[in-house]
C-alpha atoms as a PDB file:
ATOM      1  CA  MET A   1      -0.251  -0.099  -0.143  1.00  0.00           C
ATOM      2  CA  LYS A   2       3.110   2.171   0.444  1.00  0.00           C
ATOM      3  CA  TYR A   3       3.267   2.218  -3.759  1.00  0.00           C
ATOM      4  CA  PHE A   4       0.285   2.624  -4.508  1.00  0.00           C
ATOM      5  CA  TYR A   5      -0.446   5.996  -5.823  1.00  0.00           C
ATOM      6  CA  PHE A   6       3.214   5.919  -6.943  1.00  0.00           C
ATOM      7  CA  ILE A   7       2.664   2.616  -9.173  1.00  0.00           C
ATOM      8  CA  SER A   8      -1.031   3.964 -10.272  1.00  0.00           C
ATOM      9  CA  ILE A   9       0.117   7.316 -11.699  1.00  0.00           C
ATOM     10  CA  ILE A  10       2.526   5.238 -13.811  1.00  0.00           C
ATOM     11  CA  LEU A  11       0.277   2.698 -15.180  1.00  0.00           C
ATOM     12  CA  LEU A  12      -1.918   5.545 -16.109  1.00  0.00           C
ATOM     13  CA  ILE A  13       0.827   7.548 -17.671  1.00  0.00           C
ATOM     14  CA  SER A  14       1.935   4.078 -19.628  1.00  0.00           C
ATOM     15  CA  VAL A  15      -2.093   3.976 -20.789  1.00  0.00           C
ATOM     16  CA  PHE A  16      -2.201   7.453 -21.821  1.00  0.00           C
ATOM     17  CA  SER A  17       1.157   7.112 -24.178  1.00  0.00           C
ATOM     18  CA  ILE A  18       0.197   3.932 -25.472  1.00  0.00           C
ATOM     19  CA  PHE A  19      -3.105   5.785 -26.200  1.00  0.00           C
ATOM     20  CA  THR A  20      -1.857   8.774 -27.928  1.00  0.00           C
ATOM     21  CA  SER A  21       0.568   6.470 -29.738  1.00  0.00           C
ATOM     22  CA  LEU A  22      -1.758   3.790 -31.051  1.00  0.00           C
ATOM     23  CA  ASN A  23      -4.205   6.863 -32.181  1.00  0.00           C
ATOM     24  CA  SER A  24      -2.149   8.950 -34.388  1.00  0.00           C
ATOM     25  CA  ASP A  25      -4.895   9.915 -36.893  1.00  0.00           C
ATOM     26  CA  LEU A  26      -4.658  13.318 -37.671  1.00  0.00           C
ATOM     27  CA  ILE A  27      -7.825  15.570 -37.073  1.00  0.00           C
ATOM     28  CA  GLU A  28      -9.574  18.827 -36.633  1.00  0.00           C
ATOM     29  CA  ILE A  29     -11.219  20.124 -33.408  1.00  0.00           C
ATOM     30  CA  ASP A  30     -13.491  23.038 -34.562  1.00  0.00           C
ATOM     31  CA  LEU A  31     -14.219  25.406 -31.132  1.00  0.00           C
ATOM     32  CA  PHE A  32     -16.180  28.263 -31.270  1.00  0.00           C
ATOM     33  CA  PHE A  33     -13.780  31.181 -31.729  1.00  0.00           C
ATOM     34  CA  LEU A  34     -10.932  28.781 -32.713  1.00  0.00           C
ATOM     35  CA  LYS A  35     -10.018  26.506 -35.126  1.00  0.00           C
ATOM     36  CA  ILE A  36      -7.023  23.804 -34.622  1.00  0.00           C
ATOM     37  CA  GLU A  37      -5.844  21.399 -37.133  1.00  0.00           C
ATOM     38  CA  GLY A  38      -3.215  19.067 -37.183  1.00  0.00           C
ATOM     39  CA  ILE A  39      -3.756  17.226 -33.778  1.00  0.00           C
ATOM     40  CA  SER A  40      -3.431  13.410 -33.075  1.00  0.00           C
ATOM     41  CA  LEU A  41      -6.520  11.510 -31.782  1.00  0.00           C
ATOM     42  CA  GLY A  42      -5.437  10.026 -28.724  1.00  0.00           C
ATOM     43  CA  PHE A  43      -3.737  13.321 -28.035  1.00  0.00           C
ATOM     44  CA  SER A  44      -6.631  15.420 -27.828  1.00  0.00           C
ATOM     45  CA  ILE A  45      -8.812  12.286 -26.044  1.00  0.00           C
ATOM     46  CA  VAL A  46      -6.262  12.050 -23.493  1.00  0.00           C
ATOM     47  CA  ILE A  47      -6.082  16.146 -23.007  1.00  0.00           C
ATOM     48  CA  SER A  48      -9.530  16.182 -22.705  1.00  0.00           C
ATOM     49  CA  ILE A  49      -9.488  13.680 -20.380  1.00  0.00           C
ATOM     50  CA  LEU A  50      -7.071  15.935 -18.514  1.00  0.00           C
ATOM     51  CA  PHE A  51      -9.066  19.363 -18.535  1.00  0.00           C
ATOM     52  CA  GLY A  52     -12.122  17.989 -17.492  1.00  0.00           C
ATOM     53  CA  ALA A  53     -10.035  16.191 -14.359  1.00  0.00           C
ATOM     54  CA  ILE A  54      -8.718  19.735 -13.752  1.00  0.00           C
ATOM     55  CA  ILE A  55     -12.117  21.113 -13.991  1.00  0.00           C
ATOM     56  CA  SER A  56     -13.596  19.000 -11.782  1.00  0.00           C
ATOM     57  CA  PHE A  57     -10.741  19.319  -9.049  1.00  0.00           C
ATOM     58  CA  ILE A  58     -11.999  22.761  -8.878  1.00  0.00           C
ATOM     59  CA  LEU A  59     -14.970  22.384  -8.355  1.00  0.00           C
ATOM     60  CA  GLN A  60     -14.370  19.935  -5.814  1.00  0.00           C
ATOM     61  CA  LEU A  61     -12.289  22.502  -3.770  1.00  0.00           C
ATOM     62  CA  PRO A  62     -14.701  24.518  -2.075  1.00  0.00           C
ATOM     63  CA  LYS A  63     -16.026  21.478  -0.291  1.00  0.00           C
ATOM     64  CA  LEU A  64     -12.312  19.624   0.314  1.00  0.00           C
ATOM     65  CA  PHE A  65     -11.548  23.220   2.175  1.00  0.00           C
ATOM     66  CA  GLY A  66     -14.878  23.725   3.796  1.00  0.00           C
ATOM     67  CA  ARG A  67     -15.372  23.953   7.476  1.00  0.00           C
ATOM     68  CA  LYS A  68     -17.298  20.984   8.719  1.00  0.00           C
ATOM     69  CA  SER A  69     -19.459  21.630  11.429  1.00  0.00           C
ATOM     70  CA  LYS A  70     -19.426  20.289  14.986  1.00  0.00           C
ATOM     71  CA  VAL A  71     -22.264  19.253  16.528  1.00  0.00           C
ATOM     72  CA  ARG A  72     -21.983  20.765  20.433  1.00  0.00           C
ATOM     73  CA  ALA A  73     -23.535  18.191  22.663  1.00  0.00           C
ATOM     74  CA  ASP A  74     -26.069  20.207  25.786  1.00  0.00           C
ATOM     75  CA  LYS A  75     -23.564  19.385  28.462  1.00  0.00           C
ATOM     76  CA  LYS A  76     -27.143  20.172  30.764  1.00  0.00           C
ATOM     77  CA  SER A  77     -29.285  17.459  29.003  1.00  0.00           C
ATOM     78  CA  GLU A  78     -26.267  15.436  29.728  1.00  0.00           C
ATOM     79  CA  ASN A  79     -25.621  16.144  33.143  1.00  0.00           C
ATOM     80  CA  THR A  80     -29.258  15.434  34.618  1.00  0.00           C
ATOM     81  CA  SER A  81     -31.256  11.880  34.635  1.00  0.00           C
ATOM     82  CA  SER A  82     -34.520  11.380  33.004  1.00  0.00           C
END
């Protein structure tokens, strides 16, 4: 379990590199105001996956760094017996 993240990152990078090399067809990306020509299919798919992961991480930042509210118990209700 010590090297789990290291091994998973190495596997992910190797899968991305294999995926990029196998899909070497050149495509044309047409965005709203930008047209990109001569980019490979595998590279565009890998970049879109990484871009989606970055956006997902940015959207989860408030949840990760938000304060956790602590529930305070009433000391009077704990000390008195019913």
